[in-house]
Amino acid sequence: ELLSVEEADELVALDAALERLRTINPRGAEVVDHRFFAGLSLEEAAATLALSTKTVQRDWLAARAWLRAEIGPETGSTPLA
């Protein structure tokens, strides 16, 4: 199935924001990669990254909030809901 123009714009904005996040919070960006793109649970991401589940949860919440704040103004939406 093809993406709508709006969905494609959101993915482009997400990719750009994720690259910005990677420069200021590399571990948070890595957690987003594992959770959002690979679909791993908190526990699976923690095991993969050799971190505690609590640390991954904190990184996930912080990175997700940062990305929402970054992307919302660009697209008018709130991805990573």
C-alpha atoms as a PDB file:
ATOM      1  CA  GLU A   1       0.000   0.000   0.000  1.00  0.00           C
ATOM      2  CA  LEU A   2       1.290   3.430  -0.917  1.00  0.00           C
ATOM      3  CA  LEU A   3       1.633   6.189   1.634  1.00  0.00           C
ATOM      4  CA  SER A   4      -0.455   9.311   1.418  1.00  0.00           C
ATOM      5  CA  VAL A   5       1.331  12.607   0.931  1.00  0.00           C
ATOM      6  CA  GLU A   6       0.707  13.444   4.601  1.00  0.00           C
ATOM      7  CA  GLU A   7       2.123  10.098   5.776  1.00  0.00           C
ATOM      8  CA  ALA A   8       5.176  10.518   3.561  1.00  0.00           C
ATOM      9  CA  ASP A   9       5.721  14.035   4.925  1.00  0.00           C
ATOM     10  CA  GLU A  10       5.485  12.689   8.485  1.00  0.00           C
ATOM     11  CA  LEU A  11       8.080   9.998   7.755  1.00  0.00           C
ATOM     12  CA  VAL A  12      10.467  12.531   6.242  1.00  0.00           C
ATOM     13  CA  ALA A  13       9.998  14.816   9.256  1.00  0.00           C
ATOM     14  CA  LEU A  14      10.501  11.881  11.633  1.00  0.00           C
ATOM     15  CA  ASP A  15      13.707  10.846   9.871  1.00  0.00           C
ATOM     16  CA  ALA A  16      15.095  14.392  10.009  1.00  0.00           C
ATOM     17  CA  ALA A  17      14.145  14.798  13.674  1.00  0.00           C
ATOM     18  CA  LEU A  18      15.624  11.402  14.532  1.00  0.00           C
ATOM     19  CA  GLU A  19      18.923  12.462  12.953  1.00  0.00           C
ATOM     20  CA  ARG A  20      18.902  15.641  15.069  1.00  0.00           C
ATOM     21  CA  LEU A  21      18.123  13.556  18.155  1.00  0.00           C
ATOM     22  CA  ARG A  22      21.005  11.226  17.296  1.00  0.00           C
ATOM     23  CA  THR A  23      23.428  14.152  17.647  1.00  0.00           C
ATOM     24  CA  ILE A  24      22.199  15.216  21.094  1.00  0.00           C
ATOM     25  CA  ASN A  25      20.973  11.900  22.545  1.00  0.00           C
ATOM     26  CA  PRO A  26      22.464   8.920  20.685  1.00  0.00           C
ATOM     27  CA  ARG A  27      21.177   6.330  23.143  1.00  0.00           C
ATOM     28  CA  GLY A  28      17.671   7.794  23.020  1.00  0.00           C
ATOM     29  CA  ALA A  29      17.739   7.606  19.227  1.00  0.00           C
ATOM     30  CA  GLU A  30      18.902   4.003  19.439  1.00  0.00           C
ATOM     31  CA  VAL A  31      16.018   3.183  21.763  1.00  0.00           C
ATOM     32  CA  VAL A  32      13.584   4.777  19.273  1.00  0.00           C
ATOM     33  CA  ASP A  33      15.088   2.635  16.507  1.00  0.00           C
ATOM     34  CA  HIS A  34      14.529  -0.520  18.538  1.00  0.00           C
ATOM     35  CA  ARG A  35      11.079   0.365  19.850  1.00  0.00           C
ATOM     36  CA  PHE A  36       9.479   2.167  16.903  1.00  0.00           C
ATOM     37  CA  PHE A  37      11.131   0.611  13.869  1.00  0.00           C
ATOM     38  CA  ALA A  38      11.995  -2.884  15.126  1.00  0.00           C
ATOM     39  CA  GLY A  39       8.876  -3.149  17.278  1.00  0.00           C
ATOM     40  CA  LEU A  40      10.739  -4.403  20.335  1.00  0.00           C
ATOM     41  CA  SER A  41       9.179  -4.243  23.786  1.00  0.00           C
ATOM     42  CA  LEU A  42      10.913  -2.301  26.537  1.00  0.00           C
ATOM     43  CA  GLU A  43      12.305  -5.555  27.887  1.00  0.00           C
ATOM     44  CA  GLU A  44      13.530  -6.735  24.473  1.00  0.00           C
ATOM     45  CA  ALA A  45      15.153  -3.382  23.727  1.00  0.00           C
ATOM     46  CA  ALA A  46      16.812  -3.406  27.153  1.00  0.00           C
ATOM     47  CA  ALA A  47      18.241  -6.877  26.565  1.00  0.00           C
ATOM     48  CA  THR A  48      19.454  -5.932  23.078  1.00  0.00           C
ATOM     49  CA  LEU A  49      21.096  -2.735  24.330  1.00  0.00           C
ATOM     50  CA  ALA A  50      22.426  -4.320  27.543  1.00  0.00           C
ATOM     51  CA  LEU A  51      20.582  -1.739  29.646  1.00  0.00           C
ATOM     52  CA  SER A  52      18.032  -1.986  32.414  1.00  0.00           C
ATOM     53  CA  THR A  53      14.388  -1.887  31.427  1.00  0.00           C
ATOM     54  CA  LYS A  54      13.949   1.226  33.565  1.00  0.00           C
ATOM     55  CA  THR A  55      16.756   3.013  31.691  1.00  0.00           C
ATOM     56  CA  VAL A  56      15.226   2.103  28.325  1.00  0.00           C
ATOM     57  CA  GLN A  57      11.830   3.260  29.553  1.00  0.00           C
ATOM     58  CA  ARG A  58      13.254   6.644  30.624  1.00  0.00           C
ATOM     59  CA  ASP A  59      15.157   7.022  27.336  1.00  0.00           C
ATOM     60  CA  TRP A  60      12.049   6.047  25.335  1.00  0.00           C
ATOM     61  CA  LEU A  61       9.805   8.548  27.121  1.00  0.00           C
ATOM     62  CA  ALA A  62      12.336  11.373  26.828  1.00  0.00           C
ATOM     63  CA  ALA A  63      13.144  10.679  23.165  1.00  0.00           C
ATOM     64  CA  ARG A  64       9.478  10.277  22.237  1.00  0.00           C
ATOM     65  CA  ALA A  65       8.564  13.580  23.922  1.00  0.00           C
ATOM     66  CA  TRP A  66      11.463  15.349  22.222  1.00  0.00           C
ATOM     67  CA  LEU A  67      10.498  13.949  18.808  1.00  0.00           C
ATOM     68  CA  ARG A  68       6.846  14.919  19.265  1.00  0.00           C
ATOM     69  CA  ALA A  69       7.882  18.478  20.106  1.00  0.00           C
ATOM     70  CA  GLU A  70      10.205  18.603  17.090  1.00  0.00           C
ATOM     71  CA  ILE A  71       7.868  17.021  14.557  1.00  0.00           C
ATOM     72  CA  GLY A  72       4.530  18.467  15.637  1.00  0.00           C
ATOM     73  CA  PRO A  73       5.250  21.976  14.330  1.00  0.00           C
ATOM     74  CA  GLU A  74       6.619  20.591  11.050  1.00  0.00           C
ATOM     75  CA  THR A  75       3.702  18.320  10.207  1.00  0.00           C
ATOM     76  CA  GLY A  76       0.838  19.435  12.396  1.00  0.00           C
ATOM     77  CA  SER A  77       0.609  15.902  13.794  1.00  0.00           C
ATOM     78  CA  THR A  78       1.963  13.934  16.712  1.00  0.00           C
ATOM     79  CA  PRO A  79       3.703  10.741  15.586  1.00  0.00           C
ATOM     80  CA  LEU A  80       4.926   8.092  18.004  1.00  0.00           C
ATOM     81  CA  ALA A  81       1.609   8.142  19.831  1.00  0.00           C
END
